Amino acid sequence: RVQAPNRVDLGAQITGTEARIPVAGGQIV
């Protein structure tokens, strides 16, 4: 029996409110 593999599209669209930002502007990460 031949069966085609399922296709899965992955992606992320997140909307939310920031709780905190642990880095400062211009900081090397």
PDB file of all heavy atoms in Angstrom:
ATOM      1  N   ARG A   1       0.852  -1.175   0.000  1.00  0.00           N
ATOM      2  CA  ARG A   1       0.000   0.000   0.000  1.00  0.00           C
ATOM      3  C   ARG A   1       0.891   1.229   0.000  1.00  0.00           C
ATOM      4  O   ARG A   1       1.878   1.281   0.729  1.00  0.00           O
ATOM      5  CB  ARG A   1      -0.873  -0.024   1.256  1.00  0.00           C
ATOM      6  CG  ARG A   1      -1.898   1.072   1.299  1.00  0.00           C
ATOM      7  CD  ARG A   1      -2.785   0.921   2.488  1.00  0.00           C
ATOM      8  NE  ARG A   1      -2.015   1.332   3.676  1.00  0.00           N
ATOM      9  CZ  ARG A   1      -2.508   1.406   4.882  1.00  0.00           C
ATOM     10  NH1 ARG A   1      -3.744   1.064   5.102  1.00  0.00           N
ATOM     11  NH2 ARG A   1      -1.777   1.792   5.890  1.00  0.00           N
ATOM     12  N   VAL A   2       0.544   2.196  -0.818  1.00  0.00           N
ATOM     13  CA  VAL A   2       1.301   3.440  -0.889  1.00  0.00           C
ATOM     14  C   VAL A   2       0.476   4.517  -0.205  1.00  0.00           C
ATOM     15  O   VAL A   2      -0.711   4.676  -0.476  1.00  0.00           O
ATOM     16  CB  VAL A   2       1.575   3.837  -2.356  1.00  0.00           C
ATOM     17  CG1 VAL A   2       2.287   5.170  -2.412  1.00  0.00           C
ATOM     18  CG2 VAL A   2       2.377   2.748  -3.046  1.00  0.00           C
ATOM     19  N   GLN A   3       1.111   5.225   0.697  1.00  0.00           N
ATOM     20  CA  GLN A   3       0.410   6.278   1.431  1.00  0.00           C
ATOM     21  C   GLN A   3       1.267   7.536   1.383  1.00  0.00           C
ATOM     22  O   GLN A   3       2.468   7.490   1.658  1.00  0.00           O
ATOM     23  CB  GLN A   3       0.184   5.852   2.881  1.00  0.00           C
ATOM     24  CG  GLN A   3      -0.568   6.858   3.694  1.00  0.00           C
ATOM     25  CD  GLN A   3      -0.819   6.352   5.112  1.00  0.00           C
ATOM     26  OE1 GLN A   3      -0.462   5.243   5.446  1.00  0.00           O
ATOM     27  NE2 GLN A   3      -1.416   7.179   5.924  1.00  0.00           N
ATOM     28  N   ALA A   4       0.663   8.639   1.023  1.00  0.00           N
ATOM     29  CA  ALA A   4       1.385   9.908   0.970  1.00  0.00           C
ATOM     30  C   ALA A   4       1.636  10.411   2.390  1.00  0.00           C
ATOM     31  O   ALA A   4       0.780  10.270   3.260  1.00  0.00           O
ATOM     32  CB  ALA A   4       0.572  10.929   0.190  1.00  0.00           C
ATOM     33  N   PRO A   5       2.813  10.981   2.630  1.00  0.00           N
ATOM     34  CA  PRO A   5       3.072  11.516   3.968  1.00  0.00           C
ATOM     35  C   PRO A   5       2.228  12.774   4.205  1.00  0.00           C
ATOM     36  O   PRO A   5       1.870  13.482   3.277  1.00  0.00           O
ATOM     37  CB  PRO A   5       4.562  11.857   3.933  1.00  0.00           C
ATOM     38  CG  PRO A   5       4.870  12.050   2.492  1.00  0.00           C
ATOM     39  CD  PRO A   5       3.936  11.148   1.728  1.00  0.00           C
ATOM     40  N   ASN A   6       1.904  12.988   5.471  1.00  0.00           N
ATOM     41  CA  ASN A   6       1.142  14.184   5.840  1.00  0.00           C
ATOM     42  C   ASN A   6       2.057  15.397   5.790  1.00  0.00           C
ATOM     43  O   ASN A   6       3.226  15.320   6.126  1.00  0.00           O
ATOM     44  CB  ASN A   6       0.567  14.045   7.252  1.00  0.00           C
ATOM     45  CG  ASN A   6      -0.455  12.931   7.317  1.00  0.00           C
ATOM     46  OD1 ASN A   6      -1.106  12.623   6.332  1.00  0.00           O
ATOM     47  ND2 ASN A   6      -0.576  12.313   8.469  1.00  0.00           N
ATOM     48  N   ARG A   7       1.501  16.498   5.348  1.00  0.00           N
ATOM     49  CA  ARG A   7       2.251  17.741   5.327  1.00  0.00           C
ATOM     50  C   ARG A   7       1.834  18.568   6.530  1.00  0.00           C
ATOM     51  O   ARG A   7       0.659  18.679   6.849  1.00  0.00           O
ATOM     52  CB  ARG A   7       1.950  18.524   4.056  1.00  0.00           C
ATOM     53  CG  ARG A   7       2.532  17.848   2.826  1.00  0.00           C
ATOM     54  CD  ARG A   7       2.357  18.688   1.635  1.00  0.00           C
ATOM     55  NE  ARG A   7       3.110  19.931   1.862  1.00  0.00           N
ATOM     56  CZ  ARG A   7       3.278  20.853   0.949  1.00  0.00           C
ATOM     57  NH1 ARG A   7       2.751  20.701  -0.233  1.00  0.00           N
ATOM     58  NH2 ARG A   7       3.957  21.938   1.202  1.00  0.00           N
ATOM     59  N   VAL A   8       2.814  19.132   7.169  1.00  0.00           N
ATOM     60  CA  VAL A   8       2.556  19.964   8.341  1.00  0.00           C
ATOM     61  C   VAL A   8       3.254  21.298   8.138  1.00  0.00           C
ATOM     62  O   VAL A   8       4.441  21.347   7.834  1.00  0.00           O
ATOM     63  CB  VAL A   8       3.087  19.286   9.633  1.00  0.00           C
ATOM     64  CG1 VAL A   8       2.874  20.181  10.832  1.00  0.00           C
ATOM     65  CG2 VAL A   8       2.418  17.946   9.841  1.00  0.00           C
ATOM     66  N   ASP A   9       2.500  22.366   8.260  1.00  0.00           N
ATOM     67  CA  ASP A   9       3.075  23.705   8.188  1.00  0.00           C
ATOM     68  C   ASP A   9       3.227  24.226   9.613  1.00  0.00           C
ATOM     69  O   ASP A   9       2.288  24.184  10.405  1.00  0.00           O
ATOM     70  CB  ASP A   9       2.165  24.649   7.397  1.00  0.00           C
ATOM     71  CG  ASP A   9       2.076  24.252   5.928  1.00  0.00           C
ATOM     72  OD1 ASP A   9       3.090  23.778   5.389  1.00  0.00           O
ATOM     73  OD2 ASP A   9       1.000  24.428   5.335  1.00  0.00           O
ATOM     74  N   LEU A  10       4.412  24.676   9.943  1.00  0.00           N
ATOM     75  CA  LEU A  10       4.679  25.207  11.272  1.00  0.00           C
ATOM     76  C   LEU A  10       4.920  26.709  11.165  1.00  0.00           C
ATOM     77  O   LEU A  10       5.511  27.194  10.204  1.00  0.00           O
ATOM     78  CB  LEU A  10       5.922  24.547  11.880  1.00  0.00           C
ATOM     79  CG  LEU A  10       5.830  23.045  12.129  1.00  0.00           C
ATOM     80  CD1 LEU A  10       7.163  22.539  12.639  1.00  0.00           C
ATOM     81  CD2 LEU A  10       4.728  22.745  13.124  1.00  0.00           C
ATOM     82  N   GLY A  11       4.473  27.399  12.156  1.00  0.00           N
ATOM     83  CA  GLY A  11       4.682  28.843  12.194  1.00  0.00           C
ATOM     84  C   GLY A  11       4.283  29.364  13.562  1.00  0.00           C
ATOM     85  O   GLY A  11       3.674  28.655  14.356  1.00  0.00           O
ATOM     86  N   ALA A  12       4.646  30.558  13.828  1.00  0.00           N
ATOM     87  CA  ALA A  12       4.300  31.144  15.115  1.00  0.00           C
ATOM     88  C   ALA A  12       3.935  32.609  14.924  1.00  0.00           C
ATOM     89  O   ALA A  12       4.688  33.382  14.356  1.00  0.00           O
ATOM     90  CB  ALA A  12       5.470  31.026  16.081  1.00  0.00           C
ATOM     91  N   GLN A  13       2.752  32.921  15.363  1.00  0.00           N
ATOM     92  CA  GLN A  13       2.339  34.318  15.438  1.00  0.00           C
ATOM     93  C   GLN A  13       1.834  34.510  16.860  1.00  0.00           C
ATOM     94  O   GLN A  13       0.819  33.945  17.251  1.00  0.00           O
ATOM     95  CB  GLN A  13       1.220  34.623  14.452  1.00  0.00           C
ATOM     96  CG  GLN A  13       1.674  34.673  13.021  1.00  0.00           C
ATOM     97  CD  GLN A  13       0.539  35.096  12.115  1.00  0.00           C
ATOM     98  OE1 GLN A  13      -0.624  35.107  12.485  1.00  0.00           O
ATOM     99  NE2 GLN A  13       0.900  35.464  10.898  1.00  0.00           N
ATOM    100  N   ILE A  14       2.576  35.269  17.612  1.00  0.00           N
ATOM    101  CA  ILE A  14       2.231  35.438  19.015  1.00  0.00           C
ATOM    102  C   ILE A  14       1.966  36.919  19.278  1.00  0.00           C
ATOM    103  O   ILE A  14       2.772  37.795  18.937  1.00  0.00           O
ATOM    104  CB  ILE A  14       3.374  34.943  19.925  1.00  0.00           C
ATOM    105  CG1 ILE A  14       3.610  33.454  19.686  1.00  0.00           C
ATOM    106  CG2 ILE A  14       3.072  35.198  21.375  1.00  0.00           C
ATOM    107  CD1 ILE A  14       4.791  32.904  20.428  1.00  0.00           C
ATOM    108  N   THR A  15       0.858  37.135  19.855  1.00  0.00           N
ATOM    109  CA  THR A  15       0.577  38.486  20.348  1.00  0.00           C
ATOM    110  C   THR A  15       0.441  38.372  21.854  1.00  0.00           C
ATOM    111  O   THR A  15      -0.077  37.381  22.370  1.00  0.00           O
ATOM    112  CB  THR A  15      -0.737  39.039  19.758  1.00  0.00           C
ATOM    113  OG1 THR A  15      -1.791  38.157  20.055  1.00  0.00           O
ATOM    114  CG2 THR A  15      -0.596  39.211  18.255  1.00  0.00           C
ATOM    115  N   GLY A  16       0.937  39.311  22.527  1.00  0.00           N
ATOM    116  CA  GLY A  16       0.844  39.263  23.983  1.00  0.00           C
ATOM    117  C   GLY A  16       1.394  40.533  24.604  1.00  0.00           C
ATOM    118  O   GLY A  16       1.889  41.430  23.932  1.00  0.00           O
ATOM    119  N   THR A  17       1.317  40.533  25.899  1.00  0.00           N
ATOM    120  CA  THR A  17       1.796  41.673  26.672  1.00  0.00           C
ATOM    121  C   THR A  17       3.114  41.276  27.303  1.00  0.00           C
ATOM    122  O   THR A  17       3.250  40.181  27.848  1.00  0.00           O
ATOM    123  CB  THR A  17       0.781  42.016  27.773  1.00  0.00           C
ATOM    124  OG1 THR A  17      -0.502  42.170  27.164  1.00  0.00           O
ATOM    125  CG2 THR A  17       1.167  43.281  28.490  1.00  0.00           C
ATOM    126  N   GLU A  18       4.061  42.201  27.245  1.00  0.00           N
ATOM    127  CA  GLU A  18       5.358  41.878  27.825  1.00  0.00           C
ATOM    128  C   GLU A  18       5.269  41.885  29.346  1.00  0.00           C
ATOM    129  O   GLU A  18       4.647  42.741  29.963  1.00  0.00           O
ATOM    130  CB  GLU A  18       6.417  42.870  27.364  1.00  0.00           C
ATOM    131  CG  GLU A  18       6.163  44.298  27.832  1.00  0.00           C
ATOM    132  CD  GLU A  18       7.189  45.259  27.323  1.00  0.00           C
ATOM    133  OE1 GLU A  18       7.341  45.368  26.106  1.00  0.00           O
ATOM    134  OE2 GLU A  18       7.824  45.915  28.184  1.00  0.00           O
ATOM    135  N   ALA A  19       5.919  40.890  29.914  1.00  0.00           N
ATOM    136  CA  ALA A  19       5.984  40.823  31.373  1.00  0.00           C
ATOM    137  C   ALA A  19       7.263  41.511  31.839  1.00  0.00           C
ATOM    138  O   ALA A  19       7.250  42.273  32.804  1.00  0.00           O
ATOM    139  CB  ALA A  19       5.956  39.382  31.848  1.00  0.00           C
ATOM    140  N   ARG A  20       8.362  41.265  31.158  1.00  0.00           N
ATOM    141  CA  ARG A  20       9.629  41.926  31.496  1.00  0.00           C
ATOM    142  C   ARG A  20      10.592  41.816  30.336  1.00  0.00           C
ATOM    143  O   ARG A  20      10.467  40.938  29.493  1.00  0.00           O
ATOM    144  CB  ARG A  20      10.235  41.376  32.778  1.00  0.00           C
ATOM    145  CG  ARG A  20      10.733  39.967  32.673  1.00  0.00           C
ATOM    146  CD  ARG A  20      11.259  39.451  34.037  1.00  0.00           C
ATOM    147  NE  ARG A  20      11.862  38.127  33.852  1.00  0.00           N
ATOM    148  CZ  ARG A  20      13.151  37.909  33.747  1.00  0.00           C
ATOM    149  NH1 ARG A  20      14.009  38.898  33.826  1.00  0.00           N
ATOM    150  NH2 ARG A  20      13.603  36.673  33.571  1.00  0.00           N
ATOM    151  N   ILE A  21      11.586  42.683  30.311  1.00  0.00           N
ATOM    152  CA  ILE A  21      12.658  42.666  29.318  1.00  0.00           C
ATOM    153  C   ILE A  21      13.971  42.601  30.103  1.00  0.00           C
ATOM    154  O   ILE A  21      14.373  43.589  30.729  1.00  0.00           O
ATOM    155  CB  ILE A  21      12.626  43.927  28.431  1.00  0.00           C
ATOM    156  CG1 ILE A  21      11.269  44.019  27.719  1.00  0.00           C
ATOM    157  CG2 ILE A  21      13.766  43.896  27.417  1.00  0.00           C
ATOM    158  CD1 ILE A  21      11.073  45.276  26.926  1.00  0.00           C
ATOM    159  N   PRO A  22      14.624  41.425  30.115  1.00  0.00           N
ATOM    160  CA  PRO A  22      15.809  41.265  30.964  1.00  0.00           C
ATOM    161  C   PRO A  22      17.091  41.859  30.384  1.00  0.00           C
ATOM    162  O   PRO A  22      18.135  41.813  31.035  1.00  0.00           O
ATOM    163  CB  PRO A  22      15.939  39.750  31.118  1.00  0.00           C
ATOM    164  CG  PRO A  22      15.260  39.177  29.939  1.00  0.00           C
ATOM    165  CD  PRO A  22      14.209  40.152  29.536  1.00  0.00           C
ATOM    166  N   VAL A  23      17.068  42.425  29.191  1.00  0.00           N
ATOM    167  CA  VAL A  23      18.281  43.004  28.605  1.00  0.00           C
ATOM    168  C   VAL A  23      18.054  44.496  28.382  1.00  0.00           C
ATOM    169  O   VAL A  23      16.930  44.949  28.199  1.00  0.00           O
ATOM    170  CB  VAL A  23      18.658  42.315  27.269  1.00  0.00           C
ATOM    171  CG1 VAL A  23      19.071  40.880  27.499  1.00  0.00           C
ATOM    172  CG2 VAL A  23      17.548  42.378  26.253  1.00  0.00           C
ATOM    173  N   ALA A  24      19.140  45.223  28.397  1.00  0.00           N
ATOM    174  CA  ALA A  24      19.057  46.667  28.155  1.00  0.00           C
ATOM    175  C   ALA A  24      19.371  46.941  26.699  1.00  0.00           C
ATOM    176  O   ALA A  24      20.010  46.135  26.031  1.00  0.00           O
ATOM    177  CB  ALA A  24      20.061  47.387  29.058  1.00  0.00           C
ATOM    178  N   GLY A  25      18.920  48.057  26.199  1.00  0.00           N
ATOM    179  CA  GLY A  25      19.199  48.442  24.817  1.00  0.00           C
ATOM    180  C   GLY A  25      20.687  48.567  24.579  1.00  0.00           C
ATOM    181  O   GLY A  25      21.406  49.159  25.365  1.00  0.00           O
ATOM    182  N   GLY A  26      21.201  47.962  23.477  1.00  0.00           N
ATOM    183  CA  GLY A  26      22.623  48.041  23.146  1.00  0.00           C
ATOM    184  C   GLY A  26      23.472  47.012  23.860  1.00  0.00           C
ATOM    185  O   GLY A  26      24.689  46.958  23.666  1.00  0.00           O
ATOM    186  N   GLN A  27      22.877  46.215  24.720  1.00  0.00           N
ATOM    187  CA  GLN A  27      23.639  45.205  25.459  1.00  0.00           C
ATOM    188  C   GLN A  27      24.017  44.061  24.509  1.00  0.00           C
ATOM    189  O   GLN A  27      23.253  43.670  23.640  1.00  0.00           O
ATOM    190  CB  GLN A  27      22.793  44.670  26.627  1.00  0.00           C
ATOM    191  CG  GLN A  27      23.467  43.596  27.436  1.00  0.00           C
ATOM    192  CD  GLN A  27      22.552  43.062  28.542  1.00  0.00           C
ATOM    193  OE1 GLN A  27      21.523  43.663  28.854  1.00  0.00           O
ATOM    194  NE2 GLN A  27      22.928  41.936  29.110  1.00  0.00           N
ATOM    195  N   ILE A  28      25.224  43.496  24.668  1.00  0.00           N
ATOM    196  CA  ILE A  28      25.669  42.353  23.865  1.00  0.00           C
ATOM    197  C   ILE A  28      25.066  41.086  24.470  1.00  0.00           C
ATOM    198  O   ILE A  28      25.159  40.854  25.679  1.00  0.00           O
ATOM    199  CB  ILE A  28      27.205  42.261  23.838  1.00  0.00           C
ATOM    200  CG1 ILE A  28      27.776  43.502  23.148  1.00  0.00           C
ATOM    201  CG2 ILE A  28      27.665  40.988  23.141  1.00  0.00           C
ATOM    202  CD1 ILE A  28      29.276  43.582  23.164  1.00  0.00           C
ATOM    203  N   VAL A  29      24.433  40.265  23.592  1.00  0.00           N
ATOM    204  CA  VAL A  29      23.790  39.027  24.054  1.00  0.00           C
ATOM    205  C   VAL A  29      24.400  37.839  23.317  1.00  0.00           C
ATOM    206  O   VAL A  29      25.018  37.980  22.273  1.00  0.00           O
ATOM    207  CB  VAL A  29      22.266  39.061  23.825  1.00  0.00           C
ATOM    208  CG1 VAL A  29      21.620  40.129  24.694  1.00  0.00           C
ATOM    209  CG2 VAL A  29      21.924  39.262  22.379  1.00  0.00           C
TER     210      VAL A  29
END
